[in-house]
Amino acid sequence: MDIVEASVFELADDRRALNEHLLERFIAKFALDPTLIKSNSAYDAMCPYGLITP
């Protein structure tokens, strides 16, 4: 793996972490049930939203 591929993976990991953090903030702000939200398949679809993969 070259340095460009490594950088893309690192950015993808950072982006996914930011997406999860943002979803957590929405859940807390709107006082939603986190178990119900996270068990929905849409939650898994939203976490990798906007990721750039090689």
C-alpha atoms as a PDB file:
ATOM      1  CA  MET A   1       0.000   0.000   0.000  1.00  0.00           C
ATOM      2  CA  ASP A   2       1.435   3.365  -0.955  1.00  0.00           C
ATOM      3  CA  ILE A   3       1.149   6.622   0.962  1.00  0.00           C
ATOM      4  CA  VAL A   4      -1.833   7.869  -1.071  1.00  0.00           C
ATOM      5  CA  GLU A   5      -3.877   4.748  -0.302  1.00  0.00           C
ATOM      6  CA  ALA A   6      -2.936   5.012   3.377  1.00  0.00           C
ATOM      7  CA  SER A   7      -4.055   8.649   3.437  1.00  0.00           C
ATOM      8  CA  VAL A   8      -7.413   7.768   1.871  1.00  0.00           C
ATOM      9  CA  PHE A   9      -8.001   5.080   4.493  1.00  0.00           C
ATOM     10  CA  GLU A  10      -7.131   7.500   7.301  1.00  0.00           C
ATOM     11  CA  LEU A  11      -9.488  10.141   5.900  1.00  0.00           C
ATOM     12  CA  ALA A  12     -12.248   7.555   5.549  1.00  0.00           C
ATOM     13  CA  ASP A  13     -11.792   6.504   9.185  1.00  0.00           C
ATOM     14  CA  ASP A  14     -11.874  10.138  10.319  1.00  0.00           C
ATOM     15  CA  ARG A  15     -14.964  10.875   8.228  1.00  0.00           C
ATOM     16  CA  ARG A  16     -16.807   7.845   9.573  1.00  0.00           C
ATOM     17  CA  ALA A  17     -15.941   8.874  13.158  1.00  0.00           C
ATOM     18  CA  LEU A  18     -17.246  12.390  12.485  1.00  0.00           C
ATOM     19  CA  ASN A  19     -20.465  11.003  10.980  1.00  0.00           C
ATOM     20  CA  GLU A  20     -21.016   8.768  14.018  1.00  0.00           C
ATOM     21  CA  HIS A  21     -20.329  11.698  16.351  1.00  0.00           C
ATOM     22  CA  LEU A  22     -22.822  13.897  14.501  1.00  0.00           C
ATOM     23  CA  LEU A  23     -25.486  11.181  14.655  1.00  0.00           C
ATOM     24  CA  GLU A  24     -24.825  10.810  18.394  1.00  0.00           C
ATOM     25  CA  ARG A  25     -25.349  14.562  18.824  1.00  0.00           C
ATOM     26  CA  PHE A  26     -28.663  14.416  16.949  1.00  0.00           C
ATOM     27  CA  ILE A  27     -29.790  11.481  19.078  1.00  0.00           C
ATOM     28  CA  ALA A  28     -28.928  13.351  22.282  1.00  0.00           C
ATOM     29  CA  LYS A  29     -30.306  16.728  21.141  1.00  0.00           C
ATOM     30  CA  PHE A  30     -33.684  15.289  20.158  1.00  0.00           C
ATOM     31  CA  ALA A  31     -33.791  12.899  23.158  1.00  0.00           C
ATOM     32  CA  LEU A  32     -34.160   9.847  20.929  1.00  0.00           C
ATOM     33  CA  ASP A  33     -33.709   6.257  22.071  1.00  0.00           C
ATOM     34  CA  PRO A  34     -30.161   5.355  20.962  1.00  0.00           C
ATOM     35  CA  THR A  35     -30.864   1.602  21.006  1.00  0.00           C
ATOM     36  CA  LEU A  36     -33.804   1.998  18.661  1.00  0.00           C
ATOM     37  CA  ILE A  37     -31.875   4.307  16.316  1.00  0.00           C
ATOM     38  CA  LYS A  38     -28.695   2.221  16.184  1.00  0.00           C
ATOM     39  CA  SER A  39     -30.574  -1.030  15.546  1.00  0.00           C
ATOM     40  CA  ASN A  40     -32.138   0.447  12.396  1.00  0.00           C
ATOM     41  CA  SER A  41     -30.379  -0.376   9.117  1.00  0.00           C
ATOM     42  CA  ALA A  42     -30.484   3.316   8.153  1.00  0.00           C
ATOM     43  CA  TYR A  43     -27.974   4.077  10.942  1.00  0.00           C
ATOM     44  CA  ASP A  44     -25.438   1.728   9.343  1.00  0.00           C
ATOM     45  CA  ALA A  45     -26.091   3.362   5.987  1.00  0.00           C
ATOM     46  CA  MET A  46     -25.512   6.882   7.362  1.00  0.00           C
ATOM     47  CA  CYS A  47     -22.163   6.198   9.091  1.00  0.00           C
ATOM     48  CA  PRO A  48     -20.158   5.712   5.885  1.00  0.00           C
ATOM     49  CA  TYR A  49     -21.982   8.540   4.064  1.00  0.00           C
ATOM     50  CA  GLY A  50     -19.570  10.579   1.972  1.00  0.00           C
ATOM     51  CA  LEU A  51     -16.578   8.284   2.417  1.00  0.00           C
ATOM     52  CA  ILE A  52     -14.010   8.232  -0.336  1.00  0.00           C
ATOM     53  CA  THR A  53     -12.716   4.715  -0.880  1.00  0.00           C
ATOM     54  CA  PRO A  54      -9.978   3.601  -3.238  1.00  0.00           C
END
